[in-house]
Protein backbone atom coordinates (compact mmCIF):
# COMPACT_ATOMS: atom_id res chain seq x y z
CA GLY A 1 -3.71 6.21 -15.75
CA GLN A 2 -0.04 6.68 -16.37
CA CYS A 3 1.23 8.10 -19.63
CA HIS A 4 3.77 6.22 -21.76
CA LEU A 5 7.42 7.33 -21.75
CA ASP A 6 7.27 9.06 -25.14
CA GLY A 7 4.17 10.98 -24.04
CA ILE A 8 5.85 12.21 -20.87
CA SER A 9 8.91 13.21 -22.89
CA PHE A 10 6.67 15.14 -25.30
CA LEU A 11 4.97 16.88 -22.35
CA LEU A 12 8.31 17.87 -20.80
CA LYS A 13 9.39 19.41 -24.13
CA HIS A 14 6.07 21.26 -24.40
CA LEU A 15 6.41 22.58 -20.85
CA LYS A 16 9.87 23.91 -21.66
CA ASP A 17 9.48 25.13 -25.24
CA ASP A 18 5.91 26.42 -25.22
CA MET A 19 5.32 27.35 -21.59
CA GLY A 20 8.78 28.36 -20.40
CA PHE A 21 9.16 25.91 -17.51
CA LYS A 22 12.73 24.84 -16.81
CA ALA A 23 11.93 22.27 -14.13
CA VAL A 24 8.97 20.08 -13.19
CA LYS A 25 8.16 18.24 -9.97
CA TRP A 26 6.16 15.18 -10.98
CA PHE A 27 4.03 13.65 -8.23
CA ASN A 28 2.75 10.14 -8.79
CA MET A 29 -0.16 9.53 -6.45
CA SER A 30 -1.07 6.10 -7.71
CA GLU A 31 -1.39 3.47 -5.01
CA GLU A 32 -0.63 0.57 -7.31
CA PRO A 33 2.57 -0.69 -8.90
CA VAL A 34 3.19 0.58 -12.42
CA VAL A 35 5.99 -0.45 -14.77
CA PHE A 36 7.02 0.59 -18.24
CA LEU A 37 7.16 -2.29 -20.73
CA ASP A 38 8.53 -1.16 -24.08
CA GLY A 39 7.79 2.36 -22.89
CA GLN A 40 4.09 1.62 -22.18
CA ALA A 41 2.76 2.06 -18.65
CA CYS A 42 1.35 -1.22 -17.33
CA ALA A 43 -0.25 -2.10 -14.00
CA PRO A 44 -1.52 -5.40 -12.60
CA ARG A 45 -5.24 -6.09 -12.75
CA ILE A 46 -7.60 -8.76 -11.49
CA ALA A 47 -9.03 -10.84 -14.35
CA GLU A 48 -12.62 -10.29 -13.19
CA ASN A 49 -12.16 -6.50 -12.97
CA MET A 50 -9.71 -5.35 -15.62
CA ASN A 51 -10.66 -1.66 -15.56
CA ASP A 52 -10.17 -0.84 -11.89
CA ASN A 53 -7.10 -0.42 -9.75
CA VAL A 54 -5.98 -3.21 -7.49
CA ASP A 55 -7.65 -2.15 -4.25
CA HIS A 56 -5.81 -3.94 -1.45
CA LEU A 57 -2.84 -1.58 -1.23
CA VAL A 58 -4.38 1.14 0.97
CA SER A 59 -1.78 2.99 3.10
CA ILE A 60 1.11 1.51 1.12
CA GLU A 61 4.30 3.56 1.20
CA GLY A 62 6.18 4.80 -1.84
CA TYR A 63 9.28 2.74 -1.04
CA GLU A 64 7.11 -0.40 -0.88
CA LEU A 65 5.71 0.36 -4.32
CA ASP A 66 9.23 1.02 -5.65
CA SER A 67 10.26 -2.45 -4.48
CA MET A 68 7.14 -4.07 -5.96
CA GLU A 69 7.72 -2.31 -9.28
CA LEU A 70 11.33 -3.47 -9.55
CA ARG A 71 10.22 -7.06 -8.97
CA LEU A 72 7.20 -6.78 -11.30
CA CYS A 73 9.33 -5.37 -14.11
CA SER A 74 11.96 -8.05 -13.66
CA ASP A 75 9.31 -10.77 -13.66
CA CYS A 76 7.69 -9.37 -16.84
CA ILE A 77 11.03 -9.17 -18.65
CA ASP A 78 11.95 -12.72 -17.57
CA PHE A 79 8.54 -14.01 -18.65
CA ALA A 80 8.79 -12.40 -22.09
CA GLN A 81 12.35 -13.59 -22.64
CA ASN A 82 11.28 -17.17 -21.92
CA THR A 83 8.47 -17.26 -24.49
CA ASP A 84 8.95 -18.23 -28.11
CA SER A 85 7.65 -14.84 -29.27
CA LYS A 86 9.78 -12.88 -26.74
CA THR A 87 6.63 -10.93 -25.80
CA ILE A 88 4.22 -10.58 -22.91
CA GLY A 89 0.48 -10.10 -23.25
CA VAL A 90 -0.98 -6.94 -21.73
CA PHE A 91 -4.54 -5.67 -21.88
CA TYR A 92 -5.59 -2.27 -23.17
CA GLN A 93 -8.96 -0.70 -22.56
CA THR A 94 -10.52 0.21 -25.90
CA SER A 95 -12.74 3.21 -26.64
CA ASN A 96 -15.89 1.10 -26.08
CA HIS A 97 -14.54 0.00 -22.63
CA ASP A 98 -13.75 -3.54 -23.74
CA ASN A 99 -10.31 -4.97 -23.09
CA GLU A 100 -8.04 -6.21 -25.84
CA GLU A 101 -4.83 -8.16 -25.40
CA ARG A 102 -1.74 -6.91 -27.19
CA LYS A 103 1.75 -8.34 -27.19
CA LEU A 104 4.64 -6.19 -26.01
CA THR A 105 8.33 -6.81 -26.24
CA THR A 106 10.43 -5.88 -23.23
CA PRO A 107 13.61 -4.18 -24.50
CA LEU A 108 15.79 -3.34 -21.54
CA ASP A 109 16.19 0.31 -22.57
CA LYS A 110 12.39 0.87 -22.51
CA SER A 111 11.27 -1.57 -19.79
CA CYS A 112 11.74 -0.38 -16.22
CA SER A 113 10.10 0.60 -12.98
CA ILE A 114 8.26 3.90 -13.07
CA ARG A 115 10.93 5.57 -10.91
CA ASP A 116 13.65 4.36 -13.28
CA GLY A 117 11.59 5.67 -16.19
CA TYR A 118 11.66 9.15 -14.67
CA LYS A 119 15.38 8.83 -13.99
CA TRP A 120 15.80 8.08 -17.70
CA LEU A 121 13.58 11.04 -18.63
CA ALA A 122 15.75 13.30 -16.45
CA THR A 123 18.76 12.42 -18.66
CA GLN A 124 17.02 13.30 -21.92
CA GLU A 125 17.80 16.62 -23.54
CA GLY A 126 15.29 19.09 -24.92
CA GLY A 127 12.66 18.99 -22.20
CA ALA A 128 12.16 20.54 -18.80
CA SER A 129 14.16 18.78 -16.12
CA VAL A 130 11.97 16.45 -14.07
CA GLU A 131 12.05 15.37 -10.43
CA TYR A 132 9.89 12.35 -9.55
CA TYR A 133 8.07 11.92 -6.24
CA ARG A 134 5.81 9.10 -5.09
CA VAL A 135 2.96 9.93 -2.71
CA PRO A 136 0.48 7.03 -2.94
CA ILE A 137 -3.05 8.09 -2.08
CA ALA A 138 -6.03 5.71 -2.17
CA ASP A 139 -8.67 6.56 -4.78
CA GLU A 140 -11.73 6.21 -2.60
CA THR A 141 -10.42 7.59 0.71
CA SER A 142 -9.22 10.90 2.05
CA PRO A 143 -5.48 11.49 1.97
CA GLU A 144 -3.72 10.85 5.25
CA GLU A 145 -2.04 13.70 7.13
CA LYS A 146 1.38 12.24 6.31
CA ASP A 147 0.50 12.54 2.59
CA PHE A 148 -0.04 16.30 2.93
CA ASP A 149 3.15 16.56 4.97
CA GLN A 150 5.13 14.80 2.23
CA LEU A 151 3.61 16.93 -0.55
CA ILE A 152 4.40 20.16 1.30
CA ALA A 153 7.94 19.04 2.17
CA GLU A 154 8.72 18.14 -1.46
CA LEU A 155 7.18 21.34 -2.85
CA ARG A 156 9.22 23.43 -0.45
CA GLY A 157 12.36 21.61 -1.53
């Protein structure tokens, strides 16, 4: 799963203050679209299988996910703004593996695509600087050669 924005910010501060790292390269290998709604990481799910990733996005490219995430975030914000409560229902997995719906607001300063969330984190003071990279790799398959090539290229800088 993806951590919420405040959790990532806390981790970047820990990496800098307690471990001495000045910079972090953050690789997101998720093959599904993820957006931050009110700072919480949210991803689409199928109603019949709420606890597993959407599985039809094998071999999707990072730029395709970026585009999907921008649209998904925009749609979620629009949906929430057009309800009486100004919220959108999202499901959280509980400790006993059930799913519980909670309502989230979608303030524009804390609701964004995952890439835009990392851009925001990069502007925050107090933590290690962060560079965000997207290398989507399917959960149940071996990484493709191009995935290794991209990882190596980004690590080399």
